[in-house]
């Protein structure tokens, strides 16, 4: 039984590492943009197209993108947010430093 638990933990850790290092796929980007669009419906589709372009340009990993989107969802106090709110955030360290180090 312990062997199976260790195997399960090892697989979970490998998946987390893979997610941390893998550049976000189009499917992952779409999933997070949809989350943002549902919460901020007043943002235009052009806004989300440009945001998608900037996410790809900056080469976000899956975990960086998830952390940045979660940060905006958790901290945005207004009915909209800026593209910089996503691009600047590097949730791996809890710092806003993805681009402008």
PDB file of N, CA and C in Angstrom:
ATOM      1  N   UNK A   1       0.823  -1.199   0.000  1.00  0.00           N
ATOM      2  CA  UNK A   1       0.000   0.000   0.000  1.00  0.00           C
ATOM      3  C   UNK A   1       0.865   1.261   0.000  1.00  0.00           C
ATOM      4  N   UNK A   2       1.924   1.265   0.824  1.00  0.00           N
ATOM      5  CA  UNK A   2       2.799   2.432   0.884  1.00  0.00           C
ATOM      6  C   UNK A   2       3.491   2.659  -0.456  1.00  0.00           C
ATOM      7  N   UNK A   3       3.845   1.567  -1.110  1.00  0.00           N
ATOM      8  CA  UNK A   3       4.491   1.686  -2.416  1.00  0.00           C
ATOM      9  C   UNK A   3       3.571   2.395  -3.407  1.00  0.00           C
ATOM     10  N   UNK A   4       2.296   2.042  -3.383  1.00  0.00           N
ATOM     11  CA  UNK A   4       1.320   2.666  -4.283  1.00  0.00           C
ATOM     12  C   UNK A   4       1.168   4.156  -3.960  1.00  0.00           C
ATOM     13  N   UNK A   5       1.158   4.513  -2.681  1.00  0.00           N
ATOM     14  CA  UNK A   5       1.061   5.920  -2.285  1.00  0.00           C
ATOM     15  C   UNK A   5       2.285   6.696  -2.748  1.00  0.00           C
ATOM     16  N   UNK A   6       3.465   6.096  -2.602  1.00  0.00           N
ATOM     17  CA  UNK A   6       4.691   6.751  -3.059  1.00  0.00           C
ATOM     18  C   UNK A   6       4.672   6.951  -4.567  1.00  0.00           C
ATOM     19  N   UNK A   7       4.198   5.949  -5.288  1.00  0.00           N
ATOM     20  CA  UNK A   7       4.086   6.060  -6.743  1.00  0.00           C
ATOM     21  C   UNK A   7       3.133   7.188  -7.126  1.00  0.00           C
ATOM     22  N   UNK A   8       1.993   7.259  -6.444  1.00  0.00           N
ATOM     23  CA  UNK A   8       1.007   8.306  -6.716  1.00  0.00           C
ATOM     24  C   UNK A   8       1.598   9.680  -6.447  1.00  0.00           C
ATOM     25  N   UNK A   9       2.310   9.824  -5.340  1.00  0.00           N
ATOM     26  CA  UNK A   9       2.941  11.101  -5.012  1.00  0.00           C
ATOM     27  C   UNK A   9       3.994  11.469  -6.045  1.00  0.00           C
ATOM     28  N   UNK A  10       4.761  10.482  -6.487  1.00  0.00           N
ATOM     29  CA  UNK A  10       5.800  10.714  -7.485  1.00  0.00           C
ATOM     30  C   UNK A  10       5.188  11.178  -8.810  1.00  0.00           C
ATOM     31  N   UNK A  11       4.099  10.550  -9.226  1.00  0.00           N
ATOM     32  CA  UNK A  11       3.415  10.931 -10.465  1.00  0.00           C
ATOM     33  C   UNK A  11       2.872  12.350 -10.357  1.00  0.00           C
ATOM     34  N   UNK A  12       2.267  12.697  -9.216  1.00  0.00           N
ATOM     35  CA  UNK A  12       1.738  14.051  -9.016  1.00  0.00           C
ATOM     36  C   UNK A  12       2.853  15.084  -9.095  1.00  0.00           C
ATOM     37  N   UNK A  13       3.977  14.794  -8.465  1.00  0.00           N
ATOM     38  CA  UNK A  13       5.108  15.723  -8.470  1.00  0.00           C
ATOM     39  C   UNK A  13       5.652  15.894  -9.889  1.00  0.00           C
ATOM     40  N   UNK A  14       5.728  14.804 -10.649  1.00  0.00           N
ATOM     41  CA  UNK A  14       6.198  14.876 -12.029  1.00  0.00           C
ATOM     42  C   UNK A  14       5.264  15.733 -12.872  1.00  0.00           C
ATOM     43  N   UNK A  15       3.956  15.574 -12.676  1.00  0.00           N
ATOM     44  CA  UNK A  15       2.983  16.367 -13.427  1.00  0.00           C
ATOM     45  C   UNK A  15       3.100  17.845 -13.070  1.00  0.00           C
ATOM     46  N   UNK A  16       3.305  18.144 -11.788  1.00  0.00           N
ATOM     47  CA  UNK A  16       3.459  19.535 -11.366  1.00  0.00           C
ATOM     48  C   UNK A  16       4.706  20.145 -11.986  1.00  0.00           C
ATOM     49  N   UNK A  17       5.811  19.403 -11.999  1.00  0.00           N
ATOM     50  CA  UNK A  17       7.050  19.890 -12.594  1.00  0.00           C
ATOM     51  C   UNK A  17       6.866  20.116 -14.083  1.00  0.00           C
ATOM     52  N   UNK A  18       6.196  19.179 -14.737  1.00  0.00           N
ATOM     53  CA  UNK A  18       5.930  19.306 -16.169  1.00  0.00           C
ATOM     54  C   UNK A  18       5.093  20.549 -16.453  1.00  0.00           C
ATOM     55  N   UNK A  19       4.059  20.778 -15.636  1.00  0.00           N
ATOM     56  CA  UNK A  19       3.200  21.946 -15.809  1.00  0.00           C
ATOM     57  C   UNK A  19       3.994  23.227 -15.577  1.00  0.00           C
ATOM     58  N   UNK A  20       4.904  23.211 -14.623  1.00  0.00           N
ATOM     59  CA  UNK A  20       5.701  24.388 -14.302  1.00  0.00           C
ATOM     60  C   UNK A  20       6.618  24.754 -15.456  1.00  0.00           C
ATOM     61  N   UNK A  21       7.152  23.769 -16.158  1.00  0.00           N
ATOM     62  CA  UNK A  21       8.149  24.016 -17.197  1.00  0.00           C
ATOM     63  C   UNK A  21       7.589  24.097 -18.610  1.00  0.00           C
ATOM     64  N   UNK A  22       6.366  23.642 -18.832  1.00  0.00           N
ATOM     65  CA  UNK A  22       5.810  23.559 -20.182  1.00  0.00           C
ATOM     66  C   UNK A  22       5.174  24.883 -20.586  1.00  0.00           C
ATOM     67  N   UNK A  23       5.526  25.373 -21.767  1.00  0.00           N
ATOM     68  CA  UNK A  23       4.896  26.576 -22.297  1.00  0.00           C
ATOM     69  C   UNK A  23       3.407  26.310 -22.470  1.00  0.00           C
ATOM     70  N   UNK A  24       2.602  27.288 -22.111  1.00  0.00           N
ATOM     71  CA  UNK A  24       1.144  27.131 -22.164  1.00  0.00           C
ATOM     72  C   UNK A  24       0.683  26.841 -23.593  1.00  0.00           C
ATOM     73  N   UNK A  25      -0.099  25.796 -23.746  1.00  0.00           N
ATOM     74  CA  UNK A  25      -0.659  25.437 -25.049  1.00  0.00           C
ATOM     75  C   UNK A  25      -1.837  26.358 -25.370  1.00  0.00           C
ATOM     76  N   UNK A  26      -2.278  26.317 -26.609  1.00  0.00           N
ATOM     77  CA  UNK A  26      -3.437  27.117 -27.007  1.00  0.00           C
ATOM     78  C   UNK A  26      -4.658  26.728 -26.184  1.00  0.00           C
ATOM     79  N   UNK A  27      -4.812  25.444 -25.913  1.00  0.00           N
ATOM     80  CA  UNK A  27      -5.951  24.965 -25.119  1.00  0.00           C
ATOM     81  C   UNK A  27      -5.927  25.557 -23.704  1.00  0.00           C
ATOM     82  N   UNK A  28      -4.761  25.592 -23.093  1.00  0.00           N
ATOM     83  CA  UNK A  28      -4.624  26.153 -21.742  1.00  0.00           C
ATOM     84  C   UNK A  28      -4.876  27.656 -21.765  1.00  0.00           C
ATOM     85  N   UNK A  29      -4.328  28.339 -22.757  1.00  0.00           N
ATOM     86  CA  UNK A  29      -4.556  29.785 -22.882  1.00  0.00           C
ATOM     87  C   UNK A  29      -6.045  30.060 -23.044  1.00  0.00           C
ATOM     88  N   UNK A  30      -6.704  29.312 -23.932  1.00  0.00           N
ATOM     89  CA  UNK A  30      -8.146  29.496 -24.154  1.00  0.00           C
ATOM     90  C   UNK A  30      -8.942  29.287 -22.868  1.00  0.00           C
ATOM     91  N   UNK A  31      -8.577  28.264 -22.101  1.00  0.00           N
ATOM     92  CA  UNK A  31      -9.280  27.965 -20.847  1.00  0.00           C
ATOM     93  C   UNK A  31      -9.204  29.157 -19.894  1.00  0.00           C
ATOM     94  N   UNK A  32      -8.032  29.741 -19.760  1.00  0.00           N
ATOM     95  CA  UNK A  32      -7.865  30.855 -18.823  1.00  0.00           C
ATOM     96  C   UNK A  32      -8.479  32.152 -19.358  1.00  0.00           C
ATOM     97  N   UNK A  33      -8.413  32.363 -20.660  1.00  0.00           N
ATOM     98  CA  UNK A  33      -9.068  33.546 -21.227  1.00  0.00           C
ATOM     99  C   UNK A  33     -10.579  33.451 -21.063  1.00  0.00           C
ATOM    100  N   UNK A  34     -11.127  32.259 -21.191  1.00  0.00           N
ATOM    101  CA  UNK A  34     -12.565  32.062 -20.985  1.00  0.00           C
ATOM    102  C   UNK A  34     -12.950  32.366 -19.538  1.00  0.00           C
ATOM    103  N   UNK A  35     -12.131  31.932 -18.603  1.00  0.00           N
ATOM    104  CA  UNK A  35     -12.389  32.255 -17.189  1.00  0.00           C
ATOM    105  C   UNK A  35     -12.437  33.768 -16.996  1.00  0.00           C
ATOM    106  N   UNK A  36     -11.448  34.462 -17.566  1.00  0.00           N
ATOM    107  CA  UNK A  36     -11.403  35.920 -17.426  1.00  0.00           C
ATOM    108  C   UNK A  36     -12.596  36.576 -18.109  1.00  0.00           C
ATOM    109  N   UNK A  37     -12.956  36.073 -19.292  1.00  0.00           N
ATOM    110  CA  UNK A  37     -14.084  36.653 -20.027  1.00  0.00           C
ATOM    111  C   UNK A  37     -15.393  36.495 -19.249  1.00  0.00           C
ATOM    112  N   UNK A  38     -15.566  35.368 -18.586  1.00  0.00           N
ATOM    113  CA  UNK A  38     -16.783  35.152 -17.788  1.00  0.00           C
ATOM    114  C   UNK A  38     -16.856  36.114 -16.607  1.00  0.00           C
ATOM    115  N   UNK A  39     -15.721  36.417 -16.015  1.00  0.00           N
ATOM    116  CA  UNK A  39     -15.696  37.304 -14.852  1.00  0.00           C
ATOM    117  C   UNK A  39     -15.652  38.782 -15.223  1.00  0.00           C
ATOM    118  N   UNK A  40     -15.148  39.080 -16.408  1.00  0.00           N
ATOM    119  CA  UNK A  40     -15.029  40.460 -16.873  1.00  0.00           C
ATOM    120  C   UNK A  40     -15.677  40.586 -18.255  1.00  0.00           C
ATOM    121  N   UNK A  41     -17.000  40.419 -18.330  1.00  0.00           N
ATOM    122  CA  UNK A  41     -17.685  40.383 -19.625  1.00  0.00           C
ATOM    123  C   UNK A  41     -17.660  41.717 -20.376  1.00  0.00           C
ATOM    124  N   UNK A  42     -17.334  42.801 -19.700  1.00  0.00           N
ATOM    125  CA  UNK A  42     -17.296  44.099 -20.381  1.00  0.00           C
ATOM    126  C   UNK A  42     -16.015  44.319 -21.172  1.00  0.00           C
ATOM    127  N   UNK A  43     -15.032  43.451 -20.983  1.00  0.00           N
ATOM    128  CA  UNK A  43     -13.807  43.554 -21.774  1.00  0.00           C
ATOM    129  C   UNK A  43     -14.139  43.091 -23.200  1.00  0.00           C
ATOM    130  N   UNK A  44     -13.629  43.810 -24.182  1.00  0.00           N
ATOM    131  CA  UNK A  44     -13.937  43.488 -25.582  1.00  0.00           C
ATOM    132  C   UNK A  44     -13.201  42.228 -26.042  1.00  0.00           C
ATOM    133  N   UNK A  45     -13.701  41.632 -27.106  1.00  0.00           N
ATOM    134  CA  UNK A  45     -13.033  40.472 -27.688  1.00  0.00           C
ATOM    135  C   UNK A  45     -11.665  40.874 -28.228  1.00  0.00           C
ATOM    136  N   UNK A  46     -11.543  42.093 -28.753  1.00  0.00           N
ATOM    137  CA  UNK A  46     -10.237  42.575 -29.210  1.00  0.00           C
ATOM    138  C   UNK A  46      -9.232  42.586 -28.067  1.00  0.00           C
ATOM    139  N   UNK A  47      -9.687  42.975 -26.883  1.00  0.00           N
ATOM    140  CA  UNK A  47      -8.822  42.971 -25.703  1.00  0.00           C
ATOM    141  C   UNK A  47      -8.276  41.567 -25.465  1.00  0.00           C
ATOM    142  N   UNK A  48      -9.154  40.557 -25.508  1.00  0.00           N
ATOM    143  CA  UNK A  48      -8.726  39.188 -25.238  1.00  0.00           C
ATOM    144  C   UNK A  48      -7.837  38.642 -26.354  1.00  0.00           C
ATOM    145  N   UNK A  49      -8.056  39.068 -27.586  1.00  0.00           N
ATOM    146  CA  UNK A  49      -7.176  38.649 -28.681  1.00  0.00           C
ATOM    147  C   UNK A  49      -5.772  39.202 -28.491  1.00  0.00           C
ATOM    148  N   UNK A  50      -5.678  40.457 -28.090  1.00  0.00           N
ATOM    149  CA  UNK A  50      -4.366  41.056 -27.847  1.00  0.00           C
ATOM    150  C   UNK A  50      -3.712  40.424 -26.618  1.00  0.00           C
ATOM    151  N   UNK A  51      -4.490  40.160 -25.578  1.00  0.00           N
ATOM    152  CA  UNK A  51      -3.951  39.496 -24.391  1.00  0.00           C
ATOM    153  C   UNK A  51      -3.384  38.125 -24.765  1.00  0.00           C
ATOM    154  N   UNK A  52      -4.117  37.377 -25.568  1.00  0.00           N
ATOM    155  CA  UNK A  52      -3.635  36.069 -26.024  1.00  0.00           C
ATOM    156  C   UNK A  52      -2.302  36.213 -26.758  1.00  0.00           C
ATOM    157  N   UNK A  53      -2.221  37.189 -27.634  1.00  0.00           N
ATOM    158  CA  UNK A  53      -0.996  37.448 -28.392  1.00  0.00           C
ATOM    159  C   UNK A  53       0.175  37.747 -27.453  1.00  0.00           C
ATOM    160  N   UNK A  54      -0.052  38.551 -26.439  1.00  0.00           N
ATOM    161  CA  UNK A  54       1.007  38.938 -25.504  1.00  0.00           C
ATOM    162  C   UNK A  54       1.426  37.758 -24.623  1.00  0.00           C
ATOM    163  N   UNK A  55       0.472  36.923 -24.235  1.00  0.00           N
ATOM    164  CA  UNK A  55       0.791  35.732 -23.438  1.00  0.00           C
ATOM    165  C   UNK A  55       1.726  34.825 -24.237  1.00  0.00           C
ATOM    166  N   UNK A  56       1.410  34.611 -25.503  1.00  0.00           N
ATOM    167  CA  UNK A  56       2.250  33.772 -26.362  1.00  0.00           C
ATOM    168  C   UNK A  56       3.625  34.397 -26.559  1.00  0.00           C
ATOM    169  N   UNK A  57       3.654  35.699 -26.806  1.00  0.00           N
ATOM    170  CA  UNK A  57       4.916  36.393 -27.042  1.00  0.00           C
ATOM    171  C   UNK A  57       5.859  36.241 -25.852  1.00  0.00           C
ATOM    172  N   UNK A  58       5.313  36.333 -24.650  1.00  0.00           N
ATOM    173  CA  UNK A  58       6.140  36.273 -23.447  1.00  0.00           C
ATOM    174  C   UNK A  58       6.411  34.847 -22.976  1.00  0.00           C
ATOM    175  N   UNK A  59       5.845  33.859 -23.661  1.00  0.00           N
ATOM    176  CA  UNK A  59       6.162  32.461 -23.386  1.00  0.00           C
ATOM    177  C   UNK A  59       5.794  31.976 -21.996  1.00  0.00           C
ATOM    178  N   UNK A  60       4.615  32.339 -21.544  1.00  0.00           N
ATOM    179  CA  UNK A  60       4.158  31.886 -20.230  1.00  0.00           C
ATOM    180  C   UNK A  60       4.127  30.365 -20.167  1.00  0.00           C
ATOM    181  N   UNK A  61       4.521  29.829 -19.034  1.00  0.00           N
ATOM    182  CA  UNK A  61       4.303  28.405 -18.789  1.00  0.00           C
ATOM    183  C   UNK A  61       2.865  28.244 -18.307  1.00  0.00           C
ATOM    184  N   UNK A  62       2.406  26.998 -18.258  1.00  0.00           N
ATOM    185  CA  UNK A  62       1.039  26.743 -17.792  1.00  0.00           C
ATOM    186  C   UNK A  62       0.836  27.265 -16.372  1.00  0.00           C
ATOM    187  N   UNK A  63       1.788  26.994 -15.504  1.00  0.00           N
ATOM    188  CA  UNK A  63       1.617  27.411 -14.106  1.00  0.00           C
ATOM    189  C   UNK A  63       1.737  28.923 -13.951  1.00  0.00           C
ATOM    190  N   UNK A  64       2.613  29.576 -14.711  1.00  0.00           N
ATOM    191  CA  UNK A  64       2.705  31.039 -14.650  1.00  0.00           C
ATOM    192  C   UNK A  64       1.396  31.682 -15.074  1.00  0.00           C
ATOM    193  N   UNK A  65       0.817  31.167 -16.163  1.00  0.00           N
ATOM    194  CA  UNK A  65      -0.438  31.723 -16.649  1.00  0.00           C
ATOM    195  C   UNK A  65      -1.555  31.501 -15.634  1.00  0.00           C
ATOM    196  N   UNK A  66      -1.648  30.306 -15.100  1.00  0.00           N
ATOM    197  CA  UNK A  66      -2.680  30.026 -14.102  1.00  0.00           C
ATOM    198  C   UNK A  66      -2.524  30.941 -12.887  1.00  0.00           C
ATOM    199  N   UNK A  67      -1.300  31.108 -12.414  1.00  0.00           N
ATOM    200  CA  UNK A  67      -1.063  31.971 -11.256  1.00  0.00           C
ATOM    201  C   UNK A  67      -1.382  33.428 -11.557  1.00  0.00           C
ATOM    202  N   UNK A  68      -1.021  33.895 -12.746  1.00  0.00           N
ATOM    203  CA  UNK A  68      -1.300  35.283 -13.118  1.00  0.00           C
ATOM    204  C   UNK A  68      -2.802  35.536 -13.217  1.00  0.00           C
ATOM    205  N   UNK A  69      -3.525  34.621 -13.840  1.00  0.00           N
ATOM    206  CA  UNK A  69      -4.984  34.763 -13.967  1.00  0.00           C
ATOM    207  C   UNK A  69      -5.635  34.702 -12.589  1.00  0.00           C
ATOM    208  N   UNK A  70      -5.208  33.773 -11.765  1.00  0.00           N
ATOM    209  CA  UNK A  70      -5.765  33.684 -10.413  1.00  0.00           C
ATOM    210  C   UNK A  70      -5.484  34.950  -9.616  1.00  0.00           C
ATOM    211  N   UNK A  71      -4.312  35.520  -9.797  1.00  0.00           N
ATOM    212  CA  UNK A  71      -3.969  36.766  -9.099  1.00  0.00           C
ATOM    213  C   UNK A  71      -4.923  37.891  -9.511  1.00  0.00           C
ATOM    214  N   UNK A  72      -5.187  38.018 -10.807  1.00  0.00           N
ATOM    215  CA  UNK A  72      -6.119  39.053 -11.280  1.00  0.00           C
ATOM    216  C   UNK A  72      -7.514  38.793 -10.719  1.00  0.00           C
ATOM    217  N   UNK A  73      -7.961  37.560 -10.765  1.00  0.00           N
ATOM    218  CA  UNK A  73      -9.290  37.221 -10.244  1.00  0.00           C
ATOM    219  C   UNK A  73      -9.378  37.552  -8.756  1.00  0.00           C
ATOM    220  N   UNK A  74      -8.346  37.239  -8.019  1.00  0.00           N
ATOM    221  CA  UNK A  74      -8.360  37.439  -6.567  1.00  0.00           C
ATOM    222  C   UNK A  74      -8.183  38.893  -6.145  1.00  0.00           C
ATOM    223  N   UNK A  75      -7.540  39.710  -6.973  1.00  0.00           N
ATOM    224  CA  UNK A  75      -7.178  41.056  -6.515  1.00  0.00           C
ATOM    225  C   UNK A  75      -7.817  42.204  -7.279  1.00  0.00           C
ATOM    226  N   UNK A  76      -8.409  41.952  -8.428  1.00  0.00           N
ATOM    227  CA  UNK A  76      -8.984  43.048  -9.217  1.00  0.00           C
ATOM    228  C   UNK A  76     -10.222  43.596  -8.513  1.00  0.00           C
ATOM    229  N   UNK A  77     -10.194  44.881  -8.214  1.00  0.00           N
ATOM    230  CA  UNK A  77     -11.290  45.508  -7.472  1.00  0.00           C
ATOM    231  C   UNK A  77     -12.268  46.248  -8.375  1.00  0.00           C
ATOM    232  N   UNK A  78     -12.028  46.209  -9.662  1.00  0.00           N
ATOM    233  CA  UNK A  78     -12.849  46.958 -10.605  1.00  0.00           C
ATOM    234  C   UNK A  78     -13.488  45.996 -11.596  1.00  0.00           C
ATOM    235  N   UNK A  79     -14.301  46.513 -12.485  1.00  0.00           N
ATOM    236  CA  UNK A  79     -14.978  45.683 -13.467  1.00  0.00           C
ATOM    237  C   UNK A  79     -14.128  45.347 -14.672  1.00  0.00           C
ATOM    238  N   UNK A  80     -12.860  45.759 -14.658  1.00  0.00           N
ATOM    239  CA  UNK A  80     -11.962  45.456 -15.764  1.00  0.00           C
ATOM    240  C   UNK A  80     -10.531  45.376 -15.236  1.00  0.00           C
ATOM    241  N   UNK A  81      -9.646  44.896 -16.070  1.00  0.00           N
ATOM    242  CA  UNK A  81      -8.231  44.801 -15.722  1.00  0.00           C
ATOM    243  C   UNK A  81      -7.418  45.143 -16.960  1.00  0.00           C
ATOM    244  N   UNK A  82      -6.123  45.319 -16.797  1.00  0.00           N
ATOM    245  CA  UNK A  82      -5.263  45.647 -17.932  1.00  0.00           C
ATOM    246  C   UNK A  82      -4.472  44.415 -18.361  1.00  0.00           C
ATOM    247  N   UNK A  83      -3.992  44.450 -19.571  1.00  0.00           N
ATOM    248  CA  UNK A  83      -3.136  43.371 -20.061  1.00  0.00           C
ATOM    249  C   UNK A  83      -1.893  43.269 -19.185  1.00  0.00           C
ATOM    250  N   UNK A  84      -1.386  44.409 -18.749  1.00  0.00           N
ATOM    251  CA  UNK A  84      -0.203  44.414 -17.883  1.00  0.00           C
ATOM    252  C   UNK A  84      -0.444  43.667 -16.576  1.00  0.00           C
ATOM    253  N   UNK A  85      -1.682  43.623 -16.107  1.00  0.00           N
ATOM    254  CA  UNK A  85      -1.992  42.892 -14.875  1.00  0.00           C
ATOM    255  C   UNK A  85      -1.627  41.417 -14.999  1.00  0.00           C
ATOM    256  N   UNK A  86      -1.760  40.874 -16.190  1.00  0.00           N
ATOM    257  CA  UNK A  86      -1.411  39.478 -16.443  1.00  0.00           C
ATOM    258  C   UNK A  86       0.074  39.357 -16.768  1.00  0.00           C
ATOM    259  N   UNK A  87       0.549  40.180 -17.686  1.00  0.00           N
ATOM    260  CA  UNK A  87       1.911  40.049 -18.194  1.00  0.00           C
ATOM    261  C   UNK A  87       2.954  40.277 -17.106  1.00  0.00           C
ATOM    262  N   UNK A  88       2.714  41.227 -16.228  1.00  0.00           N
ATOM    263  CA  UNK A  88       3.694  41.543 -15.177  1.00  0.00           C
ATOM    264  C   UNK A  88       3.794  40.481 -14.105  1.00  0.00           C
ATOM    265  N   UNK A  89       2.740  39.720 -13.910  1.00  0.00           N
ATOM    266  CA  UNK A  89       2.685  38.842 -12.751  1.00  0.00           C
ATOM    267  C   UNK A  89       3.446  37.540 -12.969  1.00  0.00           C
ATOM    268  N   UNK A  90       4.302  37.213 -12.034  1.00  0.00           N
ATOM    269  CA  UNK A  90       4.970  35.919 -12.041  1.00  0.00           C
ATOM    270  C   UNK A  90       4.632  35.233 -10.740  1.00  0.00           C
ATOM    271  N   UNK A  91       3.602  34.425 -10.754  1.00  0.00           N
ATOM    272  CA  UNK A  91       3.097  33.794  -9.546  1.00  0.00           C
ATOM    273  C   UNK A  91       4.011  32.744  -8.945  1.00  0.00           C
ATOM    274  N   UNK A  92       5.021  32.321  -9.689  1.00  0.00           N
ATOM    275  CA  UNK A  92       5.933  31.324  -9.139  1.00  0.00           C
ATOM    276  C   UNK A  92       6.623  31.853  -7.886  1.00  0.00           C
ATOM    277  N   UNK A  93       6.996  33.132  -7.884  1.00  0.00           N
ATOM    278  CA  UNK A  93       7.683  33.724  -6.731  1.00  0.00           C
ATOM    279  C   UNK A  93       6.751  34.628  -5.950  1.00  0.00           C
ATOM    280  N   UNK A  94       5.520  34.799  -6.447  1.00  0.00           N
ATOM    281  CA  UNK A  94       4.615  35.730  -5.803  1.00  0.00           C
ATOM    282  C   UNK A  94       4.990  37.168  -6.073  1.00  0.00           C
ATOM    283  N   UNK A  95       5.778  37.389  -7.121  1.00  0.00           N
ATOM    284  CA  UNK A  95       6.220  38.738  -7.456  1.00  0.00           C
ATOM    285  C   UNK A  95       5.624  39.153  -8.790  1.00  0.00           C
ATOM    286  N   UNK A  96       5.472  40.439  -8.972  1.00  0.00           N
ATOM    287  CA  UNK A  96       5.032  40.944 -10.263  1.00  0.00           C
ATOM    288  C   UNK A  96       6.276  41.270 -11.073  1.00  0.00           C
ATOM    289  N   UNK A  97       6.794  40.276 -11.781  1.00  0.00           N
ATOM    290  CA  UNK A  97       8.069  40.497 -12.455  1.00  0.00           C
ATOM    291  C   UNK A  97       8.261  39.654 -13.704  1.00  0.00           C
ATOM    292  N   UNK A  98       7.202  39.188 -14.322  1.00  0.00           N
ATOM    293  CA  UNK A  98       7.363  38.276 -15.457  1.00  0.00           C
ATOM    294  C   UNK A  98       8.162  38.899 -16.593  1.00  0.00           C
ATOM    295  N   UNK A  99       7.946  40.164 -16.873  1.00  0.00           N
ATOM    296  CA  UNK A  99       8.561  40.777 -18.037  1.00  0.00           C
ATOM    297  C   UNK A  99       9.643  41.768 -17.671  1.00  0.00           C
ATOM    298  N   UNK A 100       9.372  42.563 -16.694  1.00  0.00           N
ATOM    299  CA  UNK A 100      10.213  43.730 -16.446  1.00  0.00           C
ATOM    300  C   UNK A 100      11.172  43.505 -15.291  1.00  0.00           C
ATOM    301  N   UNK A 101      11.983  42.460 -15.380  1.00  0.00           N
ATOM    302  CA  UNK A 101      12.941  42.138 -14.310  1.00  0.00           C
ATOM    303  C   UNK A 101      14.033  43.180 -14.218  1.00  0.00           C
TER     304      UNK A 101
END
